[in-house]
Amino acid sequence: MTDKTVEWNLGFAQGEVVEGLEKLLTQAGYPYTRIEADAEVQFQVILPSGSLRLVVRPLPSHHSPFNPQVLFHRTLLLMTFADVSIQEEEAFLHRLTLTFLRAGG
């Protein structure tokens, strides 16, 4: 069994990341299970050539140094691919990138 873990530190609130992942998974037709535990949300995803575990954790927010009223949210996204082909992993990461590029502007 081959596992590969990828970490993304995203500039979105945790709820925005969870919403984006649910939309991506539904549109792509990937069967998944959502599990909420403490402050994190996990997704167990079935891919054609393996499985994917997504863990969404909030990171500490911080204020802008230029405007103390502006709060920057951060979220950690951990992705663990198990027995997934390189092509399928690249396709998923491409979809994920497009999901959050659109959300950001």
N, C-alpha and C. Protein backbone atom coordinates (compact mmCIF):
# COMPACT_ATOMS: atom_id res chain seq x y z
N MET A 1 0.85 -1.17 0.00
CA MET A 1 0.00 0.00 0.00
C MET A 1 0.90 1.24 0.00
N THR A 2 0.65 2.15 -0.92
CA THR A 2 1.43 3.37 -1.04
C THR A 2 0.60 4.56 -0.59
N ASP A 3 1.11 5.27 0.42
CA ASP A 3 0.43 6.46 0.92
C ASP A 3 1.29 7.68 0.64
N LYS A 4 0.62 8.78 0.32
CA LYS A 4 1.30 10.05 0.11
C LYS A 4 0.45 11.13 0.77
N THR A 5 1.08 11.96 1.61
CA THR A 5 0.36 13.03 2.28
C THR A 5 0.82 14.38 1.75
N VAL A 6 -0.15 15.23 1.46
CA VAL A 6 0.09 16.58 0.96
C VAL A 6 -0.60 17.54 1.92
N GLU A 7 0.09 18.63 2.28
CA GLU A 7 -0.46 19.65 3.18
C GLU A 7 -0.64 20.96 2.44
N TRP A 8 -1.80 21.57 2.60
CA TRP A 8 -2.05 22.90 2.05
C TRP A 8 -2.48 23.82 3.18
N ASN A 9 -1.84 24.97 3.27
CA ASN A 9 -2.22 26.01 4.22
C ASN A 9 -3.02 27.04 3.42
N LEU A 10 -4.32 27.06 3.64
CA LEU A 10 -5.21 27.88 2.81
C LEU A 10 -5.65 29.16 3.53
N GLY A 11 -5.81 30.22 2.77
CA GLY A 11 -6.25 31.50 3.30
C GLY A 11 -7.75 31.65 3.28
N PHE A 12 -8.45 30.64 3.78
CA PHE A 12 -9.91 30.63 3.85
C PHE A 12 -10.32 30.16 5.24
N ALA A 13 -11.51 30.52 5.66
CA ALA A 13 -12.06 30.00 6.91
C ALA A 13 -12.39 28.52 6.72
N GLN A 14 -12.42 27.78 7.81
CA GLN A 14 -12.67 26.34 7.75
C GLN A 14 -13.99 26.02 7.04
N GLY A 15 -15.04 26.76 7.31
CA GLY A 15 -16.34 26.52 6.68
C GLY A 15 -16.29 26.67 5.17
N GLU A 16 -15.51 27.64 4.69
CA GLU A 16 -15.36 27.84 3.25
C GLU A 16 -14.63 26.67 2.60
N VAL A 17 -13.64 26.13 3.30
CA VAL A 17 -12.89 24.98 2.76
C VAL A 17 -13.78 23.75 2.71
N VAL A 18 -14.54 23.51 3.78
CA VAL A 18 -15.45 22.36 3.82
C VAL A 18 -16.49 22.48 2.71
N GLU A 19 -17.06 23.65 2.54
CA GLU A 19 -18.06 23.88 1.49
C GLU A 19 -17.45 23.64 0.11
N GLY A 20 -16.25 24.15 -0.12
CA GLY A 20 -15.59 23.95 -1.41
C GLY A 20 -15.29 22.48 -1.69
N LEU A 21 -14.86 21.75 -0.67
CA LEU A 21 -14.58 20.32 -0.84
C LEU A 21 -15.86 19.54 -1.15
N GLU A 22 -16.93 19.83 -0.43
CA GLU A 22 -18.19 19.13 -0.69
C GLU A 22 -18.67 19.38 -2.12
N LYS A 23 -18.55 20.61 -2.57
CA LYS A 23 -18.96 20.94 -3.93
C LYS A 23 -18.09 20.21 -4.95
N LEU A 24 -16.78 20.22 -4.74
CA LEU A 24 -15.86 19.53 -5.65
C LEU A 24 -16.16 18.04 -5.71
N LEU A 25 -16.30 17.41 -4.55
CA LEU A 25 -16.53 15.97 -4.50
C LEU A 25 -17.86 15.59 -5.15
N THR A 26 -18.88 16.39 -4.92
CA THR A 26 -20.20 16.11 -5.50
C THR A 26 -20.17 16.29 -7.02
N GLN A 27 -19.59 17.39 -7.49
CA GLN A 27 -19.53 17.64 -8.94
C GLN A 27 -18.69 16.60 -9.67
N ALA A 28 -17.61 16.12 -9.02
CA ALA A 28 -16.75 15.13 -9.65
C ALA A 28 -17.33 13.72 -9.55
N GLY A 29 -18.37 13.54 -8.74
CA GLY A 29 -19.00 12.23 -8.59
C GLY A 29 -18.22 11.27 -7.71
N TYR A 30 -17.39 11.79 -6.82
CA TYR A 30 -16.64 10.93 -5.89
C TYR A 30 -17.51 10.60 -4.70
N PRO A 31 -17.72 9.32 -4.40
CA PRO A 31 -18.45 8.98 -3.17
C PRO A 31 -17.59 9.34 -1.96
N TYR A 32 -18.22 9.91 -0.94
CA TYR A 32 -17.46 10.31 0.25
C TYR A 32 -18.32 10.23 1.50
N THR A 33 -17.63 10.17 2.63
CA THR A 33 -18.25 10.22 3.95
C THR A 33 -17.64 11.39 4.70
N ARG A 34 -18.48 12.19 5.32
CA ARG A 34 -18.02 13.34 6.10
C ARG A 34 -18.12 13.00 7.59
N ILE A 35 -17.03 13.26 8.31
CA ILE A 35 -16.98 12.99 9.74
C ILE A 35 -16.52 14.26 10.45
N GLU A 36 -17.27 14.68 11.47
CA GLU A 36 -16.86 15.85 12.26
C GLU A 36 -16.38 15.36 13.61
N ALA A 37 -15.15 15.76 13.96
CA ALA A 37 -14.57 15.35 15.24
C ALA A 37 -13.86 16.55 15.84
N ASP A 38 -14.31 16.98 17.01
CA ASP A 38 -13.74 18.15 17.68
C ASP A 38 -13.74 19.34 16.73
N ALA A 39 -12.59 19.93 16.49
CA ALA A 39 -12.52 21.14 15.66
C ALA A 39 -12.22 20.82 14.19
N GLU A 40 -12.08 19.54 13.84
CA GLU A 40 -11.74 19.22 12.46
C GLU A 40 -12.87 18.49 11.76
N VAL A 41 -12.82 18.57 10.43
CA VAL A 41 -13.78 17.85 9.59
C VAL A 41 -12.96 16.92 8.69
N GLN A 42 -13.38 15.67 8.61
CA GLN A 42 -12.68 14.69 7.78
C GLN A 42 -13.60 14.19 6.69
N PHE A 43 -13.00 13.91 5.54
CA PHE A 43 -13.70 13.30 4.43
C PHE A 43 -12.96 12.02 4.04
N GLN A 44 -13.69 10.92 3.94
CA GLN A 44 -13.14 9.68 3.40
C GLN A 44 -13.70 9.56 2.00
N VAL A 45 -12.82 9.58 1.00
CA VAL A 45 -13.23 9.65 -0.40
C VAL A 45 -12.79 8.39 -1.13
N ILE A 46 -13.69 7.84 -1.94
CA ILE A 46 -13.36 6.68 -2.77
C ILE A 46 -13.02 7.20 -4.17
N LEU A 47 -11.81 6.91 -4.61
CA LEU A 47 -11.37 7.26 -5.96
C LEU A 47 -11.29 5.98 -6.78
N PRO A 48 -11.36 6.07 -8.10
CA PRO A 48 -11.32 4.85 -8.92
C PRO A 48 -10.12 3.95 -8.66
N SER A 49 -8.95 4.54 -8.36
CA SER A 49 -7.76 3.69 -8.17
C SER A 49 -7.31 3.59 -6.72
N GLY A 50 -8.07 4.10 -5.78
CA GLY A 50 -7.66 4.05 -4.38
C GLY A 50 -8.59 4.89 -3.52
N SER A 51 -8.01 5.45 -2.46
CA SER A 51 -8.83 6.26 -1.56
C SER A 51 -8.07 7.52 -1.15
N LEU A 52 -8.82 8.46 -0.61
CA LEU A 52 -8.27 9.75 -0.22
C LEU A 52 -8.90 10.14 1.11
N ARG A 53 -8.06 10.56 2.03
CA ARG A 53 -8.54 11.07 3.32
C ARG A 53 -8.21 12.55 3.37
N LEU A 54 -9.22 13.37 3.57
CA LEU A 54 -9.05 14.81 3.68
C LEU A 54 -9.35 15.23 5.12
N VAL A 55 -8.45 16.01 5.70
CA VAL A 55 -8.64 16.52 7.06
C VAL A 55 -8.56 18.03 6.99
N VAL A 56 -9.60 18.70 7.49
CA VAL A 56 -9.68 20.16 7.46
C VAL A 56 -9.62 20.66 8.90
N ARG A 57 -8.56 21.43 9.21
CA ARG A 57 -8.36 21.95 10.57
C ARG A 57 -8.21 23.46 10.53
N PRO A 58 -8.86 24.15 11.45
CA PRO A 58 -8.65 25.60 11.51
C PRO A 58 -7.26 25.91 12.07
N LEU A 59 -6.65 26.96 11.57
CA LEU A 59 -5.39 27.48 12.10
C LEU A 59 -5.69 28.81 12.78
N PRO A 60 -4.81 29.28 13.64
CA PRO A 60 -5.07 30.57 14.30
C PRO A 60 -5.22 31.70 13.28
N SER A 61 -6.23 32.51 13.48
CA SER A 61 -6.45 33.69 12.64
C SER A 61 -5.54 34.80 13.15
N HIS A 62 -5.27 35.75 12.28
CA HIS A 62 -4.47 36.90 12.71
C HIS A 62 -4.98 38.17 12.05
N HIS A 63 -4.71 39.28 12.69
CA HIS A 63 -5.16 40.57 12.18
C HIS A 63 -4.14 41.14 11.21
N SER A 64 -4.63 41.91 10.29
CA SER A 64 -3.78 42.60 9.33
C SER A 64 -2.90 43.61 10.07
N PRO A 65 -1.61 43.67 9.70
CA PRO A 65 -0.75 44.67 10.35
C PRO A 65 -1.11 46.11 9.91
N PHE A 66 -1.84 46.23 8.82
CA PHE A 66 -2.20 47.53 8.29
C PHE A 66 -3.57 48.02 8.73
N ASN A 67 -4.43 47.06 9.11
CA ASN A 67 -5.78 47.41 9.54
C ASN A 67 -6.22 46.39 10.60
N PRO A 68 -6.14 46.74 11.87
CA PRO A 68 -6.46 45.79 12.95
C PRO A 68 -7.89 45.25 12.90
N GLN A 69 -8.77 45.87 12.14
CA GLN A 69 -10.15 45.38 12.04
C GLN A 69 -10.27 44.23 11.05
N VAL A 70 -9.26 44.04 10.19
CA VAL A 70 -9.29 42.97 9.19
C VAL A 70 -8.68 41.71 9.79
N LEU A 71 -9.44 40.62 9.75
CA LEU A 71 -9.00 39.35 10.31
C LEU A 71 -8.74 38.37 9.16
N PHE A 72 -7.57 37.77 9.15
CA PHE A 72 -7.22 36.78 8.13
C PHE A 72 -7.42 35.38 8.69
N HIS A 73 -8.25 34.59 8.01
CA HIS A 73 -8.50 33.21 8.42
C HIS A 73 -7.53 32.29 7.70
N ARG A 74 -7.13 31.21 8.38
CA ARG A 74 -6.25 30.21 7.80
C ARG A 74 -6.84 28.84 8.12
N THR A 75 -6.67 27.90 7.20
CA THR A 75 -7.14 26.53 7.40
C THR A 75 -6.10 25.58 6.84
N LEU A 76 -5.83 24.52 7.56
CA LEU A 76 -4.91 23.48 7.11
C LEU A 76 -5.72 22.36 6.47
N LEU A 77 -5.32 21.98 5.26
CA LEU A 77 -5.95 20.86 4.56
C LEU A 77 -4.89 19.78 4.38
N LEU A 78 -5.11 18.64 5.02
CA LEU A 78 -4.22 17.49 4.88
C LEU A 78 -4.89 16.48 3.96
N MET A 79 -4.16 16.03 2.95
CA MET A 79 -4.68 15.06 2.00
C MET A 79 -3.78 13.84 2.02
N THR A 80 -4.34 12.67 2.31
CA THR A 80 -3.57 11.43 2.29
C THR A 80 -4.14 10.53 1.21
N PHE A 81 -3.35 10.34 0.16
CA PHE A 81 -3.73 9.48 -0.96
C PHE A 81 -3.22 8.07 -0.68
N ALA A 82 -4.09 7.06 -0.80
CA ALA A 82 -3.71 5.66 -0.58
C ALA A 82 -3.97 4.87 -1.85
N ASP A 83 -2.90 4.34 -2.42
CA ASP A 83 -2.98 3.52 -3.64
C ASP A 83 -3.65 4.24 -4.80
N VAL A 84 -3.38 5.53 -4.92
CA VAL A 84 -3.96 6.35 -5.99
C VAL A 84 -2.90 6.54 -7.08
N SER A 85 -3.31 6.39 -8.33
CA SER A 85 -2.37 6.58 -9.43
C SER A 85 -1.91 8.03 -9.49
N ILE A 86 -0.74 8.24 -10.05
CA ILE A 86 -0.19 9.59 -10.20
C ILE A 86 -1.14 10.47 -11.01
N GLN A 87 -1.70 9.92 -12.07
CA GLN A 87 -2.61 10.68 -12.93
C GLN A 87 -3.85 11.12 -12.17
N GLU A 88 -4.38 10.21 -11.36
CA GLU A 88 -5.59 10.54 -10.60
C GLU A 88 -5.29 11.57 -9.51
N GLU A 89 -4.13 11.42 -8.87
CA GLU A 89 -3.72 12.40 -7.86
C GLU A 89 -3.57 13.77 -8.48
N GLU A 90 -2.91 13.85 -9.62
CA GLU A 90 -2.72 15.13 -10.31
C GLU A 90 -4.05 15.73 -10.73
N ALA A 91 -4.97 14.90 -11.20
CA ALA A 91 -6.29 15.39 -11.62
C ALA A 91 -7.06 15.96 -10.42
N PHE A 92 -6.98 15.27 -9.27
CA PHE A 92 -7.67 15.76 -8.08
C PHE A 92 -7.07 17.09 -7.63
N LEU A 93 -5.74 17.17 -7.57
CA LEU A 93 -5.09 18.41 -7.14
C LEU A 93 -5.39 19.56 -8.09
N HIS A 94 -5.50 19.27 -9.38
CA HIS A 94 -5.87 20.29 -10.37
C HIS A 94 -7.29 20.81 -10.08
N ARG A 95 -8.23 19.91 -9.85
CA ARG A 95 -9.62 20.31 -9.53
C ARG A 95 -9.65 21.12 -8.23
N LEU A 96 -8.86 20.69 -7.26
CA LEU A 96 -8.82 21.38 -5.98
C LEU A 96 -8.28 22.80 -6.14
N THR A 97 -7.24 22.94 -6.93
CA THR A 97 -6.67 24.27 -7.19
C THR A 97 -7.71 25.17 -7.84
N LEU A 98 -8.39 24.66 -8.84
CA LEU A 98 -9.43 25.47 -9.52
C LEU A 98 -10.57 25.82 -8.57
N THR A 99 -10.92 24.93 -7.67
CA THR A 99 -11.99 25.19 -6.71
C THR A 99 -11.67 26.40 -5.86
N PHE A 100 -10.45 26.48 -5.36
CA PHE A 100 -10.10 27.58 -4.47
C PHE A 100 -9.62 28.83 -5.20
N LEU A 101 -9.20 28.70 -6.43
CA LEU A 101 -8.90 29.90 -7.22
C LEU A 101 -10.19 30.64 -7.51
N ARG A 102 -11.25 29.92 -7.86
CA ARG A 102 -12.54 30.55 -8.15
C ARG A 102 -13.11 31.20 -6.90
N ALA A 103 -12.96 30.53 -5.75
CA ALA A 103 -13.51 31.06 -4.51
C ALA A 103 -12.81 32.34 -4.09
N GLY A 104 -11.55 32.46 -4.46
CA GLY A 104 -10.78 33.63 -4.04
C GLY A 104 -10.91 34.82 -4.97
N GLY A 105 -11.59 34.68 -6.07
CA GLY A 105 -11.73 35.82 -6.95
C GLY A 105 -11.85 35.43 -8.30
